[in-house]
Amino acid sequence: MEQLTLTTPALLFSAISLIMLAYTNRFLAYAAIIRNLHDKYKQKKDSILIAQIKNIKQRLYLTRSMQIFGISSLLLCVLTMFLIYIQQHNIAIWVFGFALLLLIISLSLLIIEIQISVKALEHHISDIENN
């Protein structure tokens, strides 16, 4: 196995940063949708709005988890670099592996969130098609 160097975990910085930017954009979009649904619900207490609110709440919590796992992955990449710097290579390898695992979890949650988002949009499409 090749030696783990400072540049290996540093390579993930740009990837994780872009992923976190995408997650933050999703979060901000959900915040705007929630505010909009809140205003609509105050005007008209509709069961369809309640279903939409439950869906967006689930997606919001998934996005929060995606962000937590992504940030934790980045934090462990930094810790890996520190461990390499202080010549703790064996520990660094395990920490970096755990960082990769957290990134995998974060991306897996993204897949789940996308599937939920598609189902929500399918409900809107079917509502349009039925009318």
N, C-alpha and C. Protein backbone atom coordinates (compact mmCIF):
# COMPACT_ATOMS: atom_id res chain seq x y z
N MET A 1 0.84 -1.18 0.00
CA MET A 1 0.00 0.00 0.00
C MET A 1 0.88 1.25 0.00
N GLU A 2 0.49 2.22 -0.78
CA GLU A 2 1.26 3.46 -0.84
C GLU A 2 1.13 4.24 0.46
N GLN A 3 2.13 5.05 0.72
CA GLN A 3 2.15 5.88 1.91
C GLN A 3 1.10 6.99 1.80
N LEU A 4 0.37 7.21 2.88
CA LEU A 4 -0.61 8.30 2.94
C LEU A 4 0.15 9.59 3.17
N THR A 5 -0.02 10.57 2.28
CA THR A 5 0.69 11.84 2.40
C THR A 5 -0.30 12.95 2.72
N LEU A 6 0.22 14.12 3.01
CA LEU A 6 -0.63 15.27 3.32
C LEU A 6 -1.56 15.63 2.16
N THR A 7 -1.13 15.36 0.95
CA THR A 7 -1.95 15.75 -0.21
C THR A 7 -3.17 14.84 -0.41
N THR A 8 -3.12 13.61 0.10
CA THR A 8 -4.23 12.69 -0.12
C THR A 8 -5.52 13.20 0.52
N PRO A 9 -5.56 13.48 1.83
CA PRO A 9 -6.80 14.02 2.40
C PRO A 9 -7.10 15.43 1.90
N ALA A 10 -6.06 16.17 1.53
CA ALA A 10 -6.29 17.53 1.02
C ALA A 10 -7.04 17.51 -0.30
N LEU A 11 -6.91 16.42 -1.07
CA LEU A 11 -7.63 16.30 -2.34
C LEU A 11 -9.14 16.33 -2.13
N LEU A 12 -9.59 15.85 -0.99
CA LEU A 12 -11.03 15.82 -0.72
C LEU A 12 -11.60 17.19 -0.34
N PHE A 13 -10.75 18.14 0.00
CA PHE A 13 -11.24 19.44 0.44
C PHE A 13 -12.15 20.10 -0.59
N SER A 14 -11.68 20.14 -1.83
CA SER A 14 -12.49 20.81 -2.86
C SER A 14 -13.78 20.04 -3.13
N ALA A 15 -13.70 18.72 -3.14
CA ALA A 15 -14.90 17.90 -3.39
C ALA A 15 -15.91 18.08 -2.26
N ILE A 16 -15.45 17.99 -1.03
CA ILE A 16 -16.36 18.13 0.11
C ILE A 16 -16.90 19.55 0.17
N SER A 17 -16.08 20.53 -0.15
CA SER A 17 -16.55 21.93 -0.15
C SER A 17 -17.66 22.14 -1.16
N LEU A 18 -17.51 21.57 -2.34
CA LEU A 18 -18.57 21.69 -3.36
C LEU A 18 -19.83 20.95 -2.93
N ILE A 19 -19.66 19.80 -2.34
CA ILE A 19 -20.83 19.04 -1.84
C ILE A 19 -21.54 19.85 -0.76
N MET A 20 -20.78 20.44 0.15
CA MET A 20 -21.38 21.23 1.23
C MET A 20 -22.10 22.45 0.67
N LEU A 21 -21.57 23.05 -0.38
CA LEU A 21 -22.24 24.17 -1.02
C LEU A 21 -23.58 23.73 -1.61
N ALA A 22 -23.59 22.57 -2.25
CA ALA A 22 -24.83 22.03 -2.80
C ALA A 22 -25.83 21.73 -1.68
N TYR A 23 -25.35 21.16 -0.59
CA TYR A 23 -26.23 20.86 0.55
C TYR A 23 -26.81 22.15 1.14
N THR A 24 -25.98 23.16 1.26
CA THR A 24 -26.44 24.45 1.80
C THR A 24 -27.48 25.07 0.88
N ASN A 25 -27.27 24.99 -0.42
CA ASN A 25 -28.27 25.51 -1.37
C ASN A 25 -29.59 24.77 -1.22
N ARG A 26 -29.53 23.45 -1.04
CA ARG A 26 -30.76 22.67 -0.81
C ARG A 26 -31.45 23.15 0.45
N PHE A 27 -30.66 23.34 1.50
CA PHE A 27 -31.20 23.77 2.78
C PHE A 27 -31.89 25.13 2.65
N LEU A 28 -31.25 26.05 1.97
CA LEU A 28 -31.84 27.39 1.77
C LEU A 28 -33.11 27.32 0.93
N ALA A 29 -33.12 26.46 -0.07
CA ALA A 29 -34.33 26.28 -0.88
C ALA A 29 -35.46 25.72 -0.03
N TYR A 30 -35.14 24.76 0.83
CA TYR A 30 -36.17 24.20 1.71
C TYR A 30 -36.70 25.25 2.67
N ALA A 31 -35.82 26.10 3.17
CA ALA A 31 -36.26 27.17 4.08
C ALA A 31 -37.26 28.08 3.39
N ALA A 32 -36.98 28.43 2.13
CA ALA A 32 -37.91 29.28 1.38
C ALA A 32 -39.24 28.57 1.15
N ILE A 33 -39.18 27.28 0.82
CA ILE A 33 -40.40 26.50 0.58
C ILE A 33 -41.22 26.41 1.87
N ILE A 34 -40.54 26.17 2.99
CA ILE A 34 -41.24 26.06 4.27
C ILE A 34 -41.93 27.37 4.63
N ARG A 35 -41.25 28.47 4.42
CA ARG A 35 -41.87 29.77 4.70
C ARG A 35 -43.10 29.99 3.81
N ASN A 36 -42.99 29.60 2.55
CA ASN A 36 -44.10 29.73 1.62
C ASN A 36 -45.27 28.83 2.04
N LEU A 37 -44.97 27.58 2.39
CA LEU A 37 -46.02 26.66 2.84
C LEU A 37 -46.66 27.14 4.13
N HIS A 38 -45.86 27.73 5.00
CA HIS A 38 -46.39 28.26 6.25
C HIS A 38 -47.41 29.36 5.99
N ASP A 39 -47.06 30.27 5.10
CA ASP A 39 -47.98 31.36 4.75
C ASP A 39 -49.26 30.82 4.12
N LYS A 40 -49.11 29.84 3.21
CA LYS A 40 -50.28 29.24 2.57
C LYS A 40 -51.16 28.53 3.60
N TYR A 41 -50.52 27.84 4.54
CA TYR A 41 -51.28 27.10 5.54
C TYR A 41 -52.04 28.03 6.48
N LYS A 42 -51.46 29.18 6.78
CA LYS A 42 -52.15 30.15 7.63
C LYS A 42 -53.40 30.68 6.93
N GLN A 43 -53.35 30.79 5.61
CA GLN A 43 -54.49 31.27 4.85
C GLN A 43 -55.54 30.19 4.67
N LYS A 44 -55.09 28.96 4.37
CA LYS A 44 -56.01 27.86 4.08
C LYS A 44 -55.44 26.58 4.64
N LYS A 45 -56.08 26.04 5.66
CA LYS A 45 -55.61 24.81 6.29
C LYS A 45 -56.04 23.61 5.45
N ASP A 46 -55.18 23.26 4.50
CA ASP A 46 -55.47 22.21 3.52
C ASP A 46 -54.67 20.95 3.85
N SER A 47 -55.29 19.78 3.68
CA SER A 47 -54.60 18.51 3.97
C SER A 47 -53.44 18.27 3.00
N ILE A 48 -53.54 18.77 1.79
CA ILE A 48 -52.44 18.64 0.83
C ILE A 48 -51.21 19.41 1.33
N LEU A 49 -51.45 20.58 1.91
CA LEU A 49 -50.34 21.36 2.46
C LEU A 49 -49.68 20.63 3.62
N ILE A 50 -50.49 19.96 4.44
CA ILE A 50 -49.93 19.21 5.56
C ILE A 50 -49.03 18.09 5.04
N ALA A 51 -49.45 17.40 4.00
CA ALA A 51 -48.63 16.34 3.40
C ALA A 51 -47.33 16.92 2.84
N GLN A 52 -47.41 18.08 2.21
CA GLN A 52 -46.22 18.72 1.67
C GLN A 52 -45.27 19.14 2.79
N ILE A 53 -45.85 19.63 3.87
CA ILE A 53 -45.03 20.05 5.01
C ILE A 53 -44.32 18.84 5.63
N LYS A 54 -45.01 17.72 5.75
CA LYS A 54 -44.38 16.50 6.28
C LYS A 54 -43.24 16.05 5.37
N ASN A 55 -43.48 16.11 4.07
CA ASN A 55 -42.45 15.70 3.10
C ASN A 55 -41.23 16.59 3.19
N ILE A 56 -41.45 17.90 3.23
CA ILE A 56 -40.32 18.82 3.26
C ILE A 56 -39.58 18.73 4.60
N LYS A 57 -40.31 18.42 5.67
CA LYS A 57 -39.68 18.24 6.98
C LYS A 57 -38.73 17.05 6.94
N GLN A 58 -39.17 15.96 6.34
CA GLN A 58 -38.33 14.77 6.21
C GLN A 58 -37.09 15.08 5.38
N ARG A 59 -37.27 15.79 4.30
CA ARG A 59 -36.14 16.15 3.44
C ARG A 59 -35.19 17.11 4.16
N LEU A 60 -35.73 18.01 4.96
CA LEU A 60 -34.92 18.96 5.72
C LEU A 60 -34.03 18.21 6.72
N TYR A 61 -34.59 17.24 7.42
CA TYR A 61 -33.81 16.46 8.38
C TYR A 61 -32.75 15.61 7.68
N LEU A 62 -33.08 15.08 6.52
CA LEU A 62 -32.08 14.34 5.75
C LEU A 62 -30.93 15.25 5.33
N THR A 63 -31.27 16.46 4.90
CA THR A 63 -30.23 17.43 4.49
C THR A 63 -29.35 17.79 5.68
N ARG A 64 -29.96 17.95 6.84
CA ARG A 64 -29.17 18.23 8.04
C ARG A 64 -28.19 17.09 8.31
N SER A 65 -28.66 15.86 8.20
CA SER A 65 -27.79 14.71 8.42
C SER A 65 -26.69 14.65 7.37
N MET A 66 -27.04 14.95 6.12
CA MET A 66 -26.04 14.98 5.04
C MET A 66 -24.95 16.00 5.38
N GLN A 67 -25.36 17.17 5.87
CA GLN A 67 -24.40 18.20 6.21
C GLN A 67 -23.51 17.77 7.38
N ILE A 68 -24.12 17.17 8.39
CA ILE A 68 -23.34 16.73 9.56
C ILE A 68 -22.30 15.69 9.16
N PHE A 69 -22.70 14.71 8.36
CA PHE A 69 -21.74 13.68 7.93
C PHE A 69 -20.66 14.28 7.02
N GLY A 70 -21.05 15.20 6.14
CA GLY A 70 -20.08 15.84 5.26
C GLY A 70 -19.07 16.68 6.02
N ILE A 71 -19.56 17.47 6.97
CA ILE A 71 -18.66 18.30 7.79
C ILE A 71 -17.75 17.42 8.64
N SER A 72 -18.31 16.35 9.19
CA SER A 72 -17.50 15.42 9.99
C SER A 72 -16.40 14.79 9.14
N SER A 73 -16.73 14.47 7.90
CA SER A 73 -15.74 13.92 6.98
C SER A 73 -14.62 14.93 6.75
N LEU A 74 -14.97 16.16 6.52
CA LEU A 74 -13.97 17.21 6.31
C LEU A 74 -13.11 17.39 7.56
N LEU A 75 -13.75 17.39 8.70
CA LEU A 75 -13.02 17.53 9.96
C LEU A 75 -12.01 16.39 10.14
N LEU A 76 -12.43 15.17 9.82
CA LEU A 76 -11.52 14.04 9.95
C LEU A 76 -10.39 14.08 8.91
N CYS A 77 -10.67 14.68 7.75
CA CYS A 77 -9.58 14.86 6.77
C CYS A 77 -8.51 15.80 7.32
N VAL A 78 -8.96 16.86 8.00
CA VAL A 78 -8.02 17.79 8.62
C VAL A 78 -7.25 17.08 9.74
N LEU A 79 -7.96 16.30 10.52
CA LEU A 79 -7.31 15.54 11.59
C LEU A 79 -6.29 14.56 10.99
N THR A 80 -6.64 13.94 9.88
CA THR A 80 -5.70 13.04 9.19
C THR A 80 -4.42 13.78 8.82
N MET A 81 -4.59 14.97 8.27
CA MET A 81 -3.41 15.76 7.89
C MET A 81 -2.55 16.08 9.12
N PHE A 82 -3.19 16.41 10.22
CA PHE A 82 -2.45 16.69 11.45
C PHE A 82 -1.70 15.44 11.92
N LEU A 83 -2.38 14.30 11.88
CA LEU A 83 -1.74 13.05 12.31
C LEU A 83 -0.55 12.69 11.42
N ILE A 84 -0.68 12.94 10.13
CA ILE A 84 0.45 12.71 9.23
C ILE A 84 1.60 13.67 9.58
N TYR A 85 1.24 14.91 9.87
CA TYR A 85 2.24 15.93 10.22
C TYR A 85 3.03 15.54 11.46
N ILE A 86 2.35 14.93 12.44
CA ILE A 86 3.05 14.55 13.67
C ILE A 86 3.54 13.09 13.62
N GLN A 87 3.59 12.54 12.40
CA GLN A 87 4.18 11.21 12.16
C GLN A 87 3.38 10.06 12.80
N GLN A 88 2.07 10.20 12.88
CA GLN A 88 1.19 9.14 13.39
C GLN A 88 0.48 8.49 12.20
N HIS A 89 1.22 7.84 11.34
CA HIS A 89 0.70 7.34 10.06
C HIS A 89 -0.36 6.24 10.22
N ASN A 90 -0.15 5.32 11.15
CA ASN A 90 -1.12 4.24 11.31
C ASN A 90 -2.49 4.77 11.76
N ILE A 91 -2.47 5.69 12.72
CA ILE A 91 -3.73 6.29 13.17
C ILE A 91 -4.34 7.12 12.04
N ALA A 92 -3.49 7.83 11.31
CA ALA A 92 -3.97 8.67 10.21
C ALA A 92 -4.71 7.85 9.15
N ILE A 93 -4.21 6.66 8.87
CA ILE A 93 -4.85 5.79 7.87
C ILE A 93 -6.26 5.43 8.32
N TRP A 94 -6.41 5.08 9.60
CA TRP A 94 -7.73 4.71 10.11
C TRP A 94 -8.68 5.91 10.15
N VAL A 95 -8.17 7.06 10.56
CA VAL A 95 -9.00 8.26 10.61
C VAL A 95 -9.45 8.65 9.20
N PHE A 96 -8.54 8.56 8.24
CA PHE A 96 -8.89 8.90 6.87
C PHE A 96 -9.92 7.91 6.32
N GLY A 97 -9.77 6.65 6.64
CA GLY A 97 -10.77 5.65 6.23
C GLY A 97 -12.13 5.96 6.81
N PHE A 98 -12.17 6.38 8.06
CA PHE A 98 -13.44 6.76 8.69
C PHE A 98 -14.02 8.00 8.02
N ALA A 99 -13.15 8.95 7.64
CA ALA A 99 -13.61 10.15 6.94
C ALA A 99 -14.26 9.77 5.61
N LEU A 100 -13.66 8.82 4.91
CA LEU A 100 -14.24 8.35 3.65
C LEU A 100 -15.59 7.68 3.89
N LEU A 101 -15.68 6.91 4.96
CA LEU A 101 -16.93 6.25 5.31
C LEU A 101 -18.04 7.27 5.59
N LEU A 102 -17.72 8.33 6.32
CA LEU A 102 -18.69 9.38 6.60
C LEU A 102 -19.14 10.09 5.32
N LEU A 103 -18.20 10.28 4.40
CA LEU A 103 -18.56 10.89 3.12
C LEU A 103 -19.48 9.97 2.33
N ILE A 104 -19.24 8.67 2.38
CA ILE A 104 -20.11 7.70 1.71
C ILE A 104 -21.52 7.76 2.30
N ILE A 105 -21.61 7.85 3.62
CA ILE A 105 -22.92 7.96 4.28
C ILE A 105 -23.63 9.23 3.85
N SER A 106 -22.90 10.33 3.81
CA SER A 106 -23.48 11.60 3.40
C SER A 106 -24.04 11.53 1.99
N LEU A 107 -23.28 10.94 1.08
CA LEU A 107 -23.73 10.82 -0.31
C LEU A 107 -24.89 9.83 -0.44
N SER A 108 -24.90 8.80 0.39
CA SER A 108 -26.02 7.85 0.38
C SER A 108 -27.31 8.53 0.83
N LEU A 109 -27.20 9.38 1.85
CA LEU A 109 -28.37 10.13 2.30
C LEU A 109 -28.86 11.08 1.20
N LEU A 110 -27.93 11.60 0.42
CA LEU A 110 -28.32 12.45 -0.71
C LEU A 110 -29.17 11.67 -1.70
N ILE A 111 -28.80 10.43 -1.97
CA ILE A 111 -29.58 9.59 -2.88
C ILE A 111 -31.00 9.40 -2.35
N ILE A 112 -31.10 9.12 -1.05
CA ILE A 112 -32.42 8.94 -0.44
C ILE A 112 -33.23 10.23 -0.54
N GLU A 113 -32.59 11.35 -0.26
CA GLU A 113 -33.28 12.65 -0.31
C GLU A 113 -33.76 12.96 -1.72
N ILE A 114 -32.97 12.64 -2.71
CA ILE A 114 -33.36 12.88 -4.10
C ILE A 114 -34.57 12.02 -4.45
N GLN A 115 -34.60 10.78 -3.99
CA GLN A 115 -35.74 9.91 -4.26
C GLN A 115 -37.02 10.47 -3.64
N ILE A 116 -36.91 10.98 -2.42
CA ILE A 116 -38.08 11.58 -1.77
C ILE A 116 -38.52 12.83 -2.52
N SER A 117 -37.57 13.62 -2.98
CA SER A 117 -37.89 14.83 -3.74
C SER A 117 -38.61 14.49 -5.04
N VAL A 118 -38.16 13.47 -5.71
CA VAL A 118 -38.79 13.05 -6.97
C VAL A 118 -40.23 12.59 -6.71
N LYS A 119 -40.43 11.83 -5.64
CA LYS A 119 -41.79 11.38 -5.31
C LYS A 119 -42.71 12.57 -5.03
N ALA A 120 -42.18 13.58 -4.35
CA ALA A 120 -42.98 14.77 -4.08
C ALA A 120 -43.37 15.47 -5.38
N LEU A 121 -42.44 15.56 -6.30
CA LEU A 121 -42.75 16.20 -7.58
C LEU A 121 -43.70 15.35 -8.41
N GLU A 122 -43.59 14.03 -8.28
CA GLU A 122 -44.52 13.15 -9.00
C GLU A 122 -45.96 13.37 -8.53
N HIS A 123 -46.15 13.67 -7.25
CA HIS A 123 -47.50 13.96 -6.74
C HIS A 123 -48.06 15.22 -7.42
N HIS A 124 -47.21 16.22 -7.59
CA HIS A 124 -47.66 17.44 -8.28
C HIS A 124 -48.00 17.16 -9.72
N ILE A 125 -47.18 16.37 -10.37
CA ILE A 125 -47.42 16.04 -11.78
C ILE A 125 -48.72 15.25 -11.93
N SER A 126 -48.93 14.28 -11.04
CA SER A 126 -50.16 13.49 -11.14
C SER A 126 -51.39 14.35 -10.84
N ASP A 127 -51.24 15.31 -9.96
CA ASP A 127 -52.35 16.22 -9.67
C ASP A 127 -52.69 17.06 -10.90
N ILE A 128 -51.68 17.48 -11.62
CA ILE A 128 -51.89 18.25 -12.86
C ILE A 128 -52.52 17.36 -13.93
N GLU A 129 -51.99 16.14 -14.05
CA GLU A 129 -52.52 15.22 -15.06
C GLU A 129 -53.97 14.81 -14.80
N ASN A 130 -54.33 14.69 -13.52
CA ASN A 130 -55.70 14.30 -13.17
C ASN A 130 -56.70 15.44 -13.39
N ASN A 131 -56.21 16.65 -13.37
CA ASN A 131 -57.10 17.81 -13.59
C ASN A 131 -56.98 18.23 -15.03
